[in-house]
Amino acid sequence: MNTKECPSCAMEVDADSKTCPICQYEFAETKTSYKWIAIILAVIMLLYLVVF
């Protein structure tokens, strides 16, 4: 079972939980598309720095 730590109360909760069952902290949803966009932009910046 995958777990994650609640930043509010430090309780280990199920990784798929959207809220902490203890303190009701709402976990932010991260979209994978934003991660890929950030990676692509970082690669483009590195290539730009190497070429110029």
N, C-alpha and C. Protein backbone atom coordinates (compact mmCIF):
# COMPACT_ATOMS: atom_id res chain seq x y z
N MET A 1 0.84 -1.18 0.00
CA MET A 1 0.00 0.00 0.00
C MET A 1 0.88 1.25 0.00
N ASN A 2 0.68 2.12 -0.96
CA ASN A 2 1.43 3.36 -1.03
C ASN A 2 0.81 4.39 -0.10
N THR A 3 1.67 5.10 0.60
CA THR A 3 1.19 6.14 1.51
C THR A 3 1.93 7.44 1.25
N LYS A 4 1.35 8.51 1.76
CA LYS A 4 2.00 9.81 1.72
C LYS A 4 1.76 10.48 3.06
N GLU A 5 2.63 11.42 3.39
CA GLU A 5 2.53 12.10 4.68
C GLU A 5 1.72 13.38 4.53
N CYS A 6 0.81 13.58 5.45
CA CYS A 6 0.02 14.81 5.48
C CYS A 6 0.92 15.94 5.98
N PRO A 7 1.03 17.04 5.23
CA PRO A 7 1.89 18.14 5.68
C PRO A 7 1.33 18.91 6.87
N SER A 8 0.06 18.72 7.15
CA SER A 8 -0.56 19.42 8.25
C SER A 8 -0.39 18.71 9.59
N CYS A 9 -0.66 17.39 9.61
CA CYS A 9 -0.62 16.66 10.89
C CYS A 9 0.44 15.56 10.92
N ALA A 10 1.17 15.35 9.83
CA ALA A 10 2.25 14.36 9.72
C ALA A 10 1.76 12.92 9.82
N MET A 11 0.49 12.69 9.56
CA MET A 11 -0.08 11.34 9.58
C MET A 11 0.14 10.67 8.23
N GLU A 12 0.44 9.39 8.23
CA GLU A 12 0.57 8.63 6.99
C GLU A 12 -0.82 8.24 6.51
N VAL A 13 -1.15 8.66 5.29
CA VAL A 13 -2.46 8.35 4.72
C VAL A 13 -2.27 7.66 3.38
N ASP A 14 -3.32 7.06 2.88
CA ASP A 14 -3.30 6.37 1.60
C ASP A 14 -2.91 7.36 0.50
N ALA A 15 -2.07 6.93 -0.42
CA ALA A 15 -1.57 7.80 -1.47
C ALA A 15 -2.68 8.30 -2.40
N ASP A 16 -3.78 7.58 -2.48
CA ASP A 16 -4.87 7.98 -3.36
C ASP A 16 -5.87 8.92 -2.68
N SER A 17 -5.68 9.20 -1.40
CA SER A 17 -6.60 10.06 -0.67
C SER A 17 -6.53 11.49 -1.17
N LYS A 18 -7.68 12.12 -1.25
CA LYS A 18 -7.73 13.53 -1.63
C LYS A 18 -7.74 14.43 -0.40
N THR A 19 -8.17 13.89 0.75
CA THR A 19 -8.15 14.63 2.01
C THR A 19 -7.61 13.73 3.12
N CYS A 20 -7.03 14.35 4.13
CA CYS A 20 -6.54 13.61 5.29
C CYS A 20 -7.73 13.25 6.18
N PRO A 21 -7.87 11.98 6.57
CA PRO A 21 -9.00 11.60 7.41
C PRO A 21 -8.90 12.14 8.85
N ILE A 22 -7.73 12.58 9.25
CA ILE A 22 -7.54 13.07 10.62
C ILE A 22 -7.84 14.57 10.71
N CYS A 23 -7.15 15.37 9.89
CA CYS A 23 -7.28 16.83 10.00
C CYS A 23 -8.05 17.48 8.85
N GLN A 24 -8.48 16.68 7.89
CA GLN A 24 -9.24 17.15 6.72
C GLN A 24 -8.43 18.05 5.78
N TYR A 25 -7.10 17.94 5.82
CA TYR A 25 -6.25 18.68 4.88
C TYR A 25 -6.54 18.19 3.47
N GLU A 26 -6.72 19.11 2.52
CA GLU A 26 -6.98 18.75 1.13
C GLU A 26 -5.67 18.77 0.35
N PHE A 27 -5.32 17.61 -0.18
CA PHE A 27 -4.10 17.48 -0.97
C PHE A 27 -4.30 18.11 -2.34
N ALA A 28 -3.31 18.84 -2.80
CA ALA A 28 -3.38 19.44 -4.12
C ALA A 28 -3.16 18.37 -5.18
N GLU A 29 -3.93 18.46 -6.24
CA GLU A 29 -3.78 17.51 -7.35
C GLU A 29 -2.78 18.08 -8.34
N THR A 30 -1.75 17.30 -8.65
CA THR A 30 -0.79 17.72 -9.65
C THR A 30 -1.07 16.98 -10.94
N LYS A 31 -1.10 17.72 -12.00
CA LYS A 31 -1.37 17.11 -13.30
C LYS A 31 -0.05 16.72 -13.93
N THR A 32 -0.01 15.56 -14.53
CA THR A 32 1.23 15.09 -15.14
C THR A 32 1.61 15.91 -16.35
N SER A 33 0.64 16.56 -16.99
CA SER A 33 0.96 17.36 -18.16
C SER A 33 1.86 18.54 -17.78
N TYR A 34 1.65 19.12 -16.58
CA TYR A 34 2.49 20.22 -16.14
C TYR A 34 3.92 19.75 -15.91
N LYS A 35 4.08 18.55 -15.41
CA LYS A 35 5.42 18.01 -15.19
C LYS A 35 6.15 17.86 -16.51
N TRP A 36 5.47 17.33 -17.52
CA TRP A 36 6.10 17.14 -18.83
C TRP A 36 6.43 18.48 -19.48
N ILE A 37 5.57 19.45 -19.33
CA ILE A 37 5.85 20.78 -19.89
C ILE A 37 7.08 21.37 -19.22
N ALA A 38 7.21 21.23 -17.92
CA ALA A 38 8.37 21.75 -17.20
C ALA A 38 9.65 21.05 -17.64
N ILE A 39 9.59 19.74 -17.83
CA ILE A 39 10.76 18.99 -18.28
C ILE A 39 11.17 19.42 -19.67
N ILE A 40 10.21 19.57 -20.57
CA ILE A 40 10.51 19.98 -21.95
C ILE A 40 11.12 21.37 -21.97
N LEU A 41 10.57 22.30 -21.18
CA LEU A 41 11.12 23.65 -21.13
C LEU A 41 12.54 23.66 -20.57
N ALA A 42 12.81 22.82 -19.57
CA ALA A 42 14.16 22.75 -19.01
C ALA A 42 15.15 22.22 -20.04
N VAL A 43 14.75 21.22 -20.81
CA VAL A 43 15.63 20.68 -21.85
C VAL A 43 15.89 21.73 -22.93
N ILE A 44 14.87 22.46 -23.33
CA ILE A 44 15.05 23.51 -24.34
C ILE A 44 16.00 24.58 -23.83
N MET A 45 15.85 24.97 -22.57
CA MET A 45 16.75 25.98 -22.00
C MET A 45 18.19 25.48 -21.96
N LEU A 46 18.39 24.22 -21.58
CA LEU A 46 19.74 23.67 -21.55
C LEU A 46 20.35 23.61 -22.95
N LEU A 47 19.56 23.20 -23.93
CA LEU A 47 20.06 23.17 -25.31
C LEU A 47 20.40 24.58 -25.79
N TYR A 48 19.61 25.55 -25.44
CA TYR A 48 19.87 26.93 -25.83
C TYR A 48 21.18 27.42 -25.21
N LEU A 49 21.41 27.08 -23.93
CA LEU A 49 22.64 27.51 -23.27
C LEU A 49 23.87 26.84 -23.87
N VAL A 50 23.73 25.58 -24.29
CA VAL A 50 24.87 24.86 -24.86
C VAL A 50 25.20 25.38 -26.25
N VAL A 51 24.18 25.68 -27.04
CA VAL A 51 24.40 26.13 -28.42
C VAL A 51 24.90 27.56 -28.45
N PHE A 52 24.36 28.42 -27.60
CA PHE A 52 24.75 29.83 -27.63
C PHE A 52 25.62 30.08 -26.47
